[in-house]
């Protein structure tokens, strides 16, 4: 007897509606794969022998969302389900889109066009799984394998190369040899794929539990989509504090940070400026003066090219820029200043990145590192309880107050506000308007202020 998965009642109702109308219908793809793995599917996609107009005739609330590809979206309250006619695809001159789509009445042929065996299984209304391409075998043995000829699958849509890497990283699976060979051979076809599609797959890859192993084995693929990283690959640091080359060090850093997109990106990219800043002293020791700023510059360019949102770009680039900022030992005054400048979320991520970066050198003392970072973390906790985050907006004096003191409009207003702000942070002056006005008059009386 074949494998059986649990079909949700709403999905079963849709499958039965199509079946009663005389059509074949199956849940297909990722929902079947995830169910077999014991995971809860995020989406339930359906394939059917019904043509789009025939599918629409079976349901009251639906939208034709993909005319060319035969996809109808059925609405069920807050949920929506994509129902697509069995199809074959032909002609991929751009390595992305099929030039021709033919509707079929064969489930086998529909599954044969799919990318990976683990994504090419279907289940009927009773949950009975149809597996024509050994997807179950590959799930059990932890294998990523293309349906049919790997070269053909990747030539049809180059993005499938990154999909294969993403699934391998997500599940900790091995990419079988013929599929791996095709990935290496056809990696340059990824240059035809849009930045948005690459960004989405890259996120899943970086967040995977086996990301480091995949990024190491397929570094040549990463160099195609992130060329800024290529100089780091194999670049020896010639430094007693580092036992790994720059790229391997970055992968070890990535392995040590929590699985959030900004931290994973920052870990991967924090040292991309090192090769451009390398110098060798007379003793044969390598140095990378200014590499944080160079890494910031390259990171900013890379993230903009892949069309990341501004919030992510700002957060990741700032982490890269300050990743060498010393957090230990640190005074309460300096901690308060850092908290005001960067905010708690940034500093919490910086602690994670600093820990991972140090451990990834291969030379750091883990206990000493944990102790020093814990001290900063505890200091941060204490300041947040005492004061929260103090920003310029919390300053009990503003530009209008300074204008009323007779200062002319212009740059001096902003300069004085920043000096007052720093004075409050450093405990020189209390954050009370009368005292700030008094201190402002004192500063203005000093000749060297102007």
Protein backbone atom coordinates (compact mmCIF):
# COMPACT_ATOMS: atom_id res chain seq x y z
CA UNK A 1 0.00 0.00 0.00
CA UNK A 2 1.27 3.50 -0.86
CA UNK A 3 2.02 6.30 1.55
CA UNK A 4 -0.92 8.33 2.83
CA UNK A 5 -0.86 11.92 4.10
CA UNK A 6 -3.54 13.89 5.93
CA UNK A 7 -5.52 16.21 3.66
CA UNK A 8 -7.16 19.21 5.42
CA UNK A 9 -10.98 19.22 5.13
CA UNK A 10 -11.06 22.42 3.05
CA UNK A 11 -8.55 21.01 0.56
CA UNK A 12 -10.33 17.68 0.45
CA UNK A 13 -13.58 19.53 -0.31
CA UNK A 14 -11.97 21.25 -3.33
CA UNK A 15 -10.52 17.97 -4.62
CA UNK A 16 -13.86 16.20 -4.23
CA UNK A 17 -15.73 19.01 -6.00
CA UNK A 18 -13.46 18.61 -9.05
CA UNK A 19 -13.66 14.82 -8.87
CA UNK A 20 -17.49 14.85 -8.78
CA UNK A 21 -17.43 17.08 -11.87
CA UNK A 22 -15.50 14.36 -13.69
CA UNK A 23 -11.93 15.64 -13.40
CA UNK A 24 -8.77 14.35 -11.79
CA UNK A 25 -7.45 16.52 -8.96
CA UNK A 26 -4.50 16.24 -6.60
CA UNK A 27 -2.66 18.19 -3.95
CA UNK A 28 0.82 18.58 -5.38
CA UNK A 29 4.39 19.70 -4.70
CA UNK A 30 5.62 21.22 -1.46
CA UNK A 31 2.52 20.43 0.58
CA UNK A 32 2.95 16.70 -0.11
CA UNK A 33 6.68 16.84 0.58
CA UNK A 34 6.27 18.70 3.88
CA UNK A 35 3.44 16.42 5.00
CA UNK A 36 5.63 13.37 4.41
CA UNK A 37 8.40 15.01 6.44
CA UNK A 38 5.99 15.67 9.30
CA UNK A 39 5.99 19.44 8.77
CA UNK A 40 2.90 21.63 8.44
CA UNK A 41 2.57 22.88 4.84
CA UNK A 42 2.35 26.64 4.37
CA UNK A 43 0.31 26.33 1.17
CA UNK A 44 -1.76 23.65 -0.52
CA UNK A 45 -1.42 23.76 -4.30
CA UNK A 46 -3.71 21.69 -6.48
CA UNK A 47 -3.32 20.33 -10.00
CA UNK A 48 -6.19 19.04 -12.12
CA UNK A 49 -7.17 17.73 -15.54
CA UNK A 50 -9.84 20.45 -15.71
CA UNK A 51 -9.14 23.40 -18.00
CA UNK A 52 -9.22 26.84 -16.36
CA UNK A 53 -12.78 27.64 -17.50
CA UNK A 54 -13.93 24.21 -16.31
CA UNK A 55 -12.30 24.82 -12.94
CA UNK A 56 -14.02 28.22 -12.65
CA UNK A 57 -17.37 26.59 -13.38
CA UNK A 58 -16.95 24.34 -10.33
CA UNK A 59 -16.55 27.14 -7.78
CA UNK A 60 -18.49 30.26 -6.81
CA UNK A 61 -15.57 32.37 -5.61
CA UNK A 62 -12.45 32.22 -7.74
CA UNK A 63 -10.07 34.40 -9.73
CA UNK A 64 -8.20 33.60 -12.94
CA UNK A 65 -4.71 34.52 -11.71
CA UNK A 66 -2.53 32.94 -14.38
CA UNK A 67 -4.24 32.77 -17.75
CA UNK A 68 -1.16 31.61 -19.66
CA UNK A 69 -0.25 28.98 -17.09
CA UNK A 70 -3.77 27.74 -16.43
CA UNK A 71 -3.99 28.83 -12.80
CA UNK A 72 -7.25 29.62 -11.04
CA UNK A 73 -7.26 30.81 -7.42
CA UNK A 74 -10.20 29.56 -5.38
CA UNK A 75 -11.18 31.68 -2.38
CA UNK A 76 -12.33 30.00 0.82
CA UNK A 77 -12.90 32.64 3.50
CA UNK A 78 -9.47 33.97 4.41
CA UNK A 79 -7.71 31.17 2.58
CA UNK A 80 -6.89 30.89 -1.10
CA UNK A 81 -5.85 27.85 -3.12
CA UNK A 82 -4.16 27.82 -6.51
CA UNK A 83 -5.56 25.22 -8.90
CA UNK A 84 -3.53 24.66 -12.07
CA UNK A 85 -4.33 22.55 -15.09
CA UNK A 86 -1.93 19.68 -15.86
CA UNK A 87 0.58 21.17 -18.29
CA UNK A 88 3.81 20.77 -20.19
CA UNK A 89 6.22 23.63 -20.82
CA UNK A 90 8.47 24.13 -23.83
CA UNK A 91 11.10 26.59 -25.06
CA UNK A 92 13.12 28.48 -22.45
CA UNK A 93 15.29 30.84 -24.51
CA UNK A 94 15.73 33.21 -21.54
CA UNK A 95 16.44 30.44 -18.99
CA UNK A 96 13.40 31.66 -17.08
CA UNK A 97 10.02 31.54 -18.83
CA UNK A 98 8.49 28.86 -21.07
CA UNK A 99 7.60 30.15 -24.52
CA UNK A 100 4.78 27.65 -24.87
CA UNK A 101 2.45 25.96 -22.37
CA UNK A 102 0.34 22.96 -23.38
CA UNK A 103 -2.53 21.80 -21.21
CA UNK A 104 -2.64 18.05 -20.62
CA UNK A 105 -4.86 15.40 -19.09
CA UNK A 106 -1.96 13.40 -17.64
CA UNK A 107 -0.71 13.72 -14.07
CA UNK A 108 2.50 11.88 -14.98
CA UNK A 109 3.47 14.44 -17.62
CA UNK A 110 2.66 17.31 -15.29
CA UNK A 111 4.90 15.89 -12.57
CA UNK A 112 7.64 15.18 -15.13
CA UNK A 113 8.15 18.92 -15.78
CA UNK A 114 8.83 19.74 -12.12
CA UNK A 115 12.27 20.56 -10.74
CA UNK A 116 13.14 18.06 -7.99
CA UNK A 117 11.89 14.58 -7.20
CA UNK A 118 10.88 15.61 -3.68
CA UNK A 119 8.64 18.30 -5.21
CA UNK A 120 7.13 15.99 -7.84
CA UNK A 121 4.67 14.01 -5.74
CA UNK A 122 0.88 14.32 -5.63
CA UNK A 123 -1.86 13.13 -3.28
CA UNK A 124 -5.56 12.52 -3.98
CA UNK A 125 -8.53 13.46 -1.79
CA UNK A 126 -7.92 10.42 0.41
CA UNK A 127 -4.28 11.37 0.89
CA UNK A 128 -2.85 8.51 -1.21
CA UNK A 129 0.50 9.64 -2.60
CA UNK A 130 1.45 9.23 -6.26
CA UNK A 131 5.23 9.11 -6.71
CA UNK A 132 6.46 8.50 -10.26
CA UNK A 133 10.01 9.85 -9.78
CA UNK A 134 11.23 8.27 -6.51
CA UNK A 135 10.61 11.35 -4.39
CA UNK A 136 9.87 9.15 -1.36
CA UNK A 137 13.19 7.37 -1.79
CA UNK A 138 15.03 10.67 -1.95
CA UNK A 139 13.22 12.01 1.12
CA UNK A 140 14.15 8.91 3.09
CA UNK A 141 17.79 9.06 1.98
CA UNK A 142 18.19 12.84 2.24
CA UNK A 143 18.87 13.46 -1.45
CA UNK A 144 18.27 16.43 -3.73
CA UNK A 145 17.84 15.11 -7.27
CA UNK A 146 16.33 16.59 -10.41
CA UNK A 147 13.39 15.01 -12.16
CA UNK A 148 14.75 13.55 -15.40
CA UNK A 149 17.91 15.17 -16.80
CA UNK A 150 19.36 17.80 -14.46
CA UNK A 151 20.86 19.85 -17.31
CA UNK A 152 17.46 20.11 -18.96
CA UNK A 153 15.72 21.16 -15.73
CA UNK A 154 18.27 23.90 -15.02
CA UNK A 155 18.35 25.07 -18.63
CA UNK A 156 14.58 25.52 -18.52
CA UNK A 157 14.80 27.78 -15.47
CA UNK A 158 18.18 28.77 -14.03
CA UNK A 159 16.60 29.72 -10.72
CA UNK A 160 16.15 26.00 -10.08
CA UNK A 161 19.89 25.92 -9.36
CA UNK A 162 19.36 28.11 -6.29
CA UNK A 163 16.17 26.22 -5.39
CA UNK A 164 18.15 23.00 -5.26
CA UNK A 165 20.74 24.64 -2.99
CA UNK A 166 18.01 26.14 -0.81
CA UNK A 167 16.27 22.81 -0.27
CA UNK A 168 19.58 21.10 0.46
CA UNK A 169 20.39 23.78 3.05
CA UNK A 170 16.89 23.75 4.53
CA UNK A 171 16.67 19.99 5.05
CA UNK A 172 20.34 19.17 5.41
CA UNK A 173 20.16 16.94 2.33
CA UNK A 174 22.97 15.93 -0.02
CA UNK A 175 22.83 16.99 -3.67
CA UNK A 176 23.31 13.82 -5.71
CA UNK A 177 26.31 13.79 -8.10
CA UNK A 178 24.60 14.31 -11.48
CA UNK A 179 22.51 17.19 -10.13
CA UNK A 180 25.58 18.70 -8.45
CA UNK A 181 27.59 18.43 -11.69
CA UNK A 182 24.85 20.24 -13.62
CA UNK A 183 24.71 22.99 -10.99
CA UNK A 184 28.44 23.67 -11.31
CA UNK A 185 28.32 23.48 -15.10
CA UNK A 186 25.35 25.82 -15.56
CA UNK A 187 25.96 28.29 -12.73
CA UNK A 188 26.58 31.23 -15.10
CA UNK A 189 22.99 30.99 -16.36
CA UNK A 190 21.99 32.58 -13.05
CA UNK A 191 23.15 35.89 -14.53
CA UNK A 192 19.88 35.89 -16.49
CA UNK A 193 17.73 35.66 -13.35
CA UNK A 194 16.17 38.79 -11.86
CA UNK A 195 17.60 40.20 -8.60
CA UNK A 196 14.26 39.77 -6.83
CA UNK A 197 14.12 36.03 -7.54
CA UNK A 198 17.74 35.57 -6.48
CA UNK A 199 17.15 37.50 -3.25
CA UNK A 200 14.22 35.28 -2.27
CA UNK A 201 16.15 32.05 -2.82
CA UNK A 202 19.27 33.45 -1.15
CA UNK A 203 17.27 34.16 2.01
CA UNK A 204 16.09 30.55 2.22
CA UNK A 205 19.60 29.30 1.55
CA UNK A 206 21.23 31.44 4.24
CA UNK A 207 18.59 30.51 6.80
CA UNK A 208 18.95 26.76 6.21
CA UNK A 209 20.41 24.49 8.87
CA UNK A 210 23.03 23.21 6.42
CA UNK A 211 23.76 26.62 4.88
CA UNK A 212 27.48 26.50 5.69
CA UNK A 213 28.00 23.11 4.08
CA UNK A 214 26.16 24.12 0.90
CA UNK A 215 27.86 27.53 0.67
CA UNK A 216 31.21 25.80 1.03
CA UNK A 217 30.58 23.07 -1.55
CA UNK A 218 28.97 25.45 -4.05
CA UNK A 219 31.04 28.58 -3.48
CA UNK A 220 31.45 28.92 -7.25
CA UNK A 221 27.67 29.36 -7.56
CA UNK A 222 27.65 32.00 -4.83
CA UNK A 223 30.43 33.86 -6.65
CA UNK A 224 28.11 34.23 -9.66
CA UNK A 225 25.26 35.87 -7.74
CA UNK A 226 27.48 37.67 -5.18
CA UNK A 227 30.66 38.51 -7.13
CA UNK A 228 31.86 40.76 -4.29
CA UNK A 229 32.57 37.57 -2.31
CA UNK A 230 34.76 35.92 -4.93
CA UNK A 231 38.03 37.65 -3.87
CA UNK A 232 37.47 36.30 -0.33
CA UNK A 233 37.44 32.67 -1.48
CA UNK A 234 40.78 31.11 -0.68
CA UNK A 235 42.26 34.45 0.45
CA UNK A 236 44.71 33.59 3.23
CA UNK A 237 44.92 36.09 6.10
CA UNK A 238 48.54 35.47 7.18
CA UNK A 239 47.59 36.45 10.70
CA UNK A 240 48.18 34.50 13.92
CA UNK A 241 44.70 35.41 15.13
CA UNK A 242 43.02 33.67 12.15
CA UNK A 243 43.35 30.03 11.12
CA UNK A 244 40.92 30.25 8.18
CA UNK A 245 40.91 32.10 4.87
CA UNK A 246 38.51 35.05 4.63
CA UNK A 247 35.61 33.16 3.03
CA UNK A 248 35.86 30.13 5.31
CA UNK A 249 36.04 32.46 8.32
CA UNK A 250 32.85 34.18 7.11
CA UNK A 251 31.08 30.82 6.81
CA UNK A 252 32.15 29.86 10.34
CA UNK A 253 30.80 33.23 11.51
CA UNK A 254 27.49 32.57 9.76
CA UNK A 255 27.25 29.20 11.50
CA UNK A 256 27.51 30.88 14.92
CA UNK A 257 24.86 33.61 14.58
CA UNK A 258 21.10 33.18 15.17
CA UNK A 259 19.03 32.35 12.10
CA UNK A 260 17.71 35.80 11.21
CA UNK A 261 18.13 37.26 7.74
CA UNK A 262 19.99 40.47 8.80
CA UNK A 263 22.44 38.58 11.01
CA UNK A 264 23.08 35.84 8.44
CA UNK A 265 23.73 38.48 5.75
CA UNK A 266 25.99 40.49 8.05
CA UNK A 267 27.95 37.38 9.02
CA UNK A 268 28.49 36.40 5.40
CA UNK A 269 29.45 39.89 4.26
CA UNK A 270 31.24 41.44 7.25
CA UNK A 271 34.75 40.89 5.84
CA UNK A 272 34.21 41.23 2.07
CA UNK A 273 36.43 44.31 2.08
CA UNK A 274 39.46 42.48 3.49
CA UNK A 275 41.16 41.43 0.23
CA UNK A 276 41.12 45.02 -1.02
CA UNK A 277 42.72 46.25 2.22
CA UNK A 278 45.38 43.57 2.67
CA UNK A 279 48.94 44.54 3.55
CA UNK A 280 51.85 42.40 4.70
CA UNK A 281 54.33 43.79 7.23
CA UNK A 282 58.04 43.02 7.48
CA UNK A 283 57.37 40.12 9.81
CA UNK A 284 55.03 38.52 7.27
CA UNK A 285 51.92 39.35 9.30
CA UNK A 286 48.79 40.29 7.34
CA UNK A 287 46.80 43.42 8.21
CA UNK A 288 43.48 44.74 6.92
CA UNK A 289 43.38 48.39 7.95
CA UNK A 290 40.10 50.07 7.00
CA UNK A 291 38.40 46.84 5.98
CA UNK A 292 35.21 47.61 7.92
CA UNK A 293 34.55 50.72 5.83
CA UNK A 294 35.42 48.91 2.60
CA UNK A 295 33.14 46.02 3.60
CA UNK A 296 30.37 48.52 4.33
CA UNK A 297 30.79 50.03 0.85
CA UNK A 298 30.69 46.65 -0.92
CA UNK A 299 27.81 45.40 1.22
CA UNK A 300 25.74 48.49 0.46
CA UNK A 301 26.30 48.04 -3.27
CA UNK A 302 25.49 44.33 -3.15
CA UNK A 303 22.25 44.71 -1.18
CA UNK A 304 21.03 47.55 -3.37
CA UNK A 305 21.73 45.48 -6.50
CA UNK A 306 19.56 42.66 -5.12
CA UNK A 307 16.82 45.19 -4.29
CA UNK A 308 16.69 44.60 -0.54
CA UNK A 309 14.41 46.97 1.35
CA UNK A 310 15.96 50.07 2.90
CA UNK A 311 15.45 48.87 6.48
CA UNK A 312 17.36 45.65 5.86
CA UNK A 313 20.12 47.46 3.95
CA UNK A 314 20.58 49.98 6.77
CA UNK A 315 20.64 47.35 9.51
CA UNK A 316 22.99 44.94 7.74
CA UNK A 317 25.38 47.62 6.49
CA UNK A 318 25.60 49.22 9.93
CA UNK A 319 26.41 45.85 11.50
CA UNK A 320 29.13 45.31 8.89
CA UNK A 321 30.50 48.81 9.47
CA UNK A 322 30.75 48.44 13.26
CA UNK A 323 31.45 44.71 13.53
CA UNK A 324 34.93 45.42 14.96
CA UNK A 325 33.62 47.86 17.57
CA UNK A 326 35.09 46.96 20.95
CA UNK A 327 32.38 46.12 23.45
CA UNK A 328 34.63 44.84 26.16
CA UNK A 329 35.69 46.28 28.54
CA UNK A 330 33.46 49.32 28.32
CA UNK A 331 32.41 52.18 30.58
CA UNK A 332 28.81 52.99 31.43
CA UNK A 333 29.23 56.38 29.75
CA UNK A 334 30.35 54.80 26.45
CA UNK A 335 27.64 52.13 26.64
CA UNK A 336 25.03 54.85 27.09
CA UNK A 337 26.40 56.68 24.07
CA UNK A 338 26.32 53.50 21.93
CA UNK A 339 22.77 52.75 23.05
CA UNK A 340 21.67 56.23 22.08
CA UNK A 341 23.42 56.10 18.71
CA UNK A 342 22.49 52.61 17.56
CA UNK A 343 19.53 51.48 19.66
CA UNK A 344 18.97 48.19 21.48
CA UNK A 345 18.15 45.89 18.49
CA UNK A 346 21.35 46.87 16.69
CA UNK A 347 23.51 46.38 19.79
CA UNK A 348 21.92 42.99 20.55
CA UNK A 349 22.72 41.87 17.00
CA UNK A 350 26.20 43.35 17.32
CA UNK A 351 26.82 41.23 20.42
CA UNK A 352 25.79 38.12 18.45
CA UNK A 353 27.99 39.08 15.50
CA UNK A 354 30.99 39.95 17.70
CA UNK A 355 30.71 36.59 19.47
CA UNK A 356 30.43 34.66 16.20
CA UNK A 357 33.22 36.63 14.52
CA UNK A 358 35.61 35.98 17.40
CA UNK A 359 34.78 32.27 17.67
CA UNK A 360 35.22 31.92 13.90
CA UNK A 361 38.86 33.02 14.13
CA UNK A 362 39.65 29.61 15.57
CA UNK A 363 41.91 31.23 18.18
CA UNK A 364 39.57 32.94 20.65
CA UNK A 365 39.06 31.69 24.21
CA UNK A 366 35.31 30.92 24.33
CA UNK A 367 35.01 31.32 28.11
CA UNK A 368 36.83 34.66 28.18
CA UNK A 369 34.78 35.88 25.20
CA UNK A 370 31.47 34.89 26.79
CA UNK A 371 32.44 36.58 30.04
CA UNK A 372 33.34 39.91 28.42
CA UNK A 373 30.28 40.00 26.16
CA UNK A 374 28.05 39.02 29.06
CA UNK A 375 29.36 42.03 30.97
CA UNK A 376 28.35 44.35 28.14
CA UNK A 377 24.97 42.65 27.79
CA UNK A 378 24.30 43.05 31.52
CA UNK A 379 25.36 46.71 31.35
CA UNK A 380 22.95 47.19 28.46
CA UNK A 381 20.15 45.58 30.48
CA UNK A 382 20.86 47.87 33.41
CA UNK A 383 20.86 51.03 31.30
CA UNK A 384 17.60 50.05 29.61
CA UNK A 385 15.92 49.50 32.97
CA UNK A 386 17.25 52.79 34.31
CA UNK A 387 16.78 55.06 31.33
CA UNK A 388 15.50 53.35 28.22
CA UNK A 389 16.93 54.67 24.96
CA UNK A 390 17.80 58.35 25.13
CA UNK A 391 17.71 60.11 21.75
CA UNK A 392 17.91 63.69 20.47
CA UNK A 393 14.12 63.76 20.52
CA UNK A 394 14.21 63.31 24.30
CA UNK A 395 16.44 66.35 24.85
CA UNK A 396 14.52 68.91 26.93
CA UNK A 397 15.59 71.78 24.70
CA UNK A 398 15.13 72.38 20.97
CA UNK A 399 16.13 74.69 18.17
CA UNK A 400 13.36 77.21 18.91
CA UNK A 401 14.65 77.54 22.46
CA UNK A 402 18.12 78.34 21.15
CA UNK A 403 16.69 80.83 18.64
CA UNK A 404 14.91 82.62 21.50
CA UNK A 405 18.32 83.01 23.12
CA UNK A 406 19.39 85.13 20.16
CA UNK A 407 21.25 82.56 18.08
CA UNK A 408 20.89 83.07 14.33
CA UNK A 409 19.36 80.33 12.21
CA UNK A 410 21.99 78.06 10.70
CA UNK A 411 24.48 75.31 11.36
CA UNK A 412 25.40 76.55 14.83
CA UNK A 413 21.95 75.58 16.17
CA UNK A 414 22.45 71.93 15.21
CA UNK A 415 26.02 71.90 16.46
CA UNK A 416 25.00 73.25 19.86
CA UNK A 417 22.13 70.76 20.20
CA UNK A 418 24.54 67.88 19.55
CA UNK A 419 26.99 69.20 22.14
CA UNK A 420 24.15 69.50 24.67
CA UNK A 421 22.99 66.00 23.82
CA UNK A 422 26.50 64.58 24.38
CA UNK A 423 26.77 66.51 27.64
CA UNK A 424 23.61 64.84 28.94
CA UNK A 425 24.87 61.40 27.85
CA UNK A 426 28.16 61.99 29.64
CA UNK A 427 26.49 63.27 32.82
CA UNK A 428 27.94 66.77 32.50
CA UNK A 429 24.51 68.40 32.42
CA UNK A 430 21.06 67.20 33.53
CA UNK A 431 18.30 66.89 30.95
CA UNK A 432 16.28 69.81 32.34
CA UNK A 433 15.47 72.81 30.18
CA UNK A 434 16.65 75.48 32.64
CA UNK A 435 19.98 73.76 33.18
CA UNK A 436 20.42 73.11 29.46
CA UNK A 437 19.78 76.80 28.69
CA UNK A 438 22.30 77.77 31.36
CA UNK A 439 24.88 75.31 29.99
CA UNK A 440 24.22 76.50 26.44
CA UNK A 441 24.97 80.11 27.52
CA UNK A 442 28.19 78.89 29.13
CA UNK A 443 29.24 77.09 25.93
CA UNK A 444 28.45 80.13 23.80
CA UNK A 445 30.59 82.29 26.07
CA UNK A 446 33.63 80.18 25.27
CA UNK A 447 35.63 81.57 22.38
CA UNK A 448 36.62 78.15 21.03
CA UNK A 449 33.00 77.07 20.54
CA UNK A 450 32.29 79.29 17.53
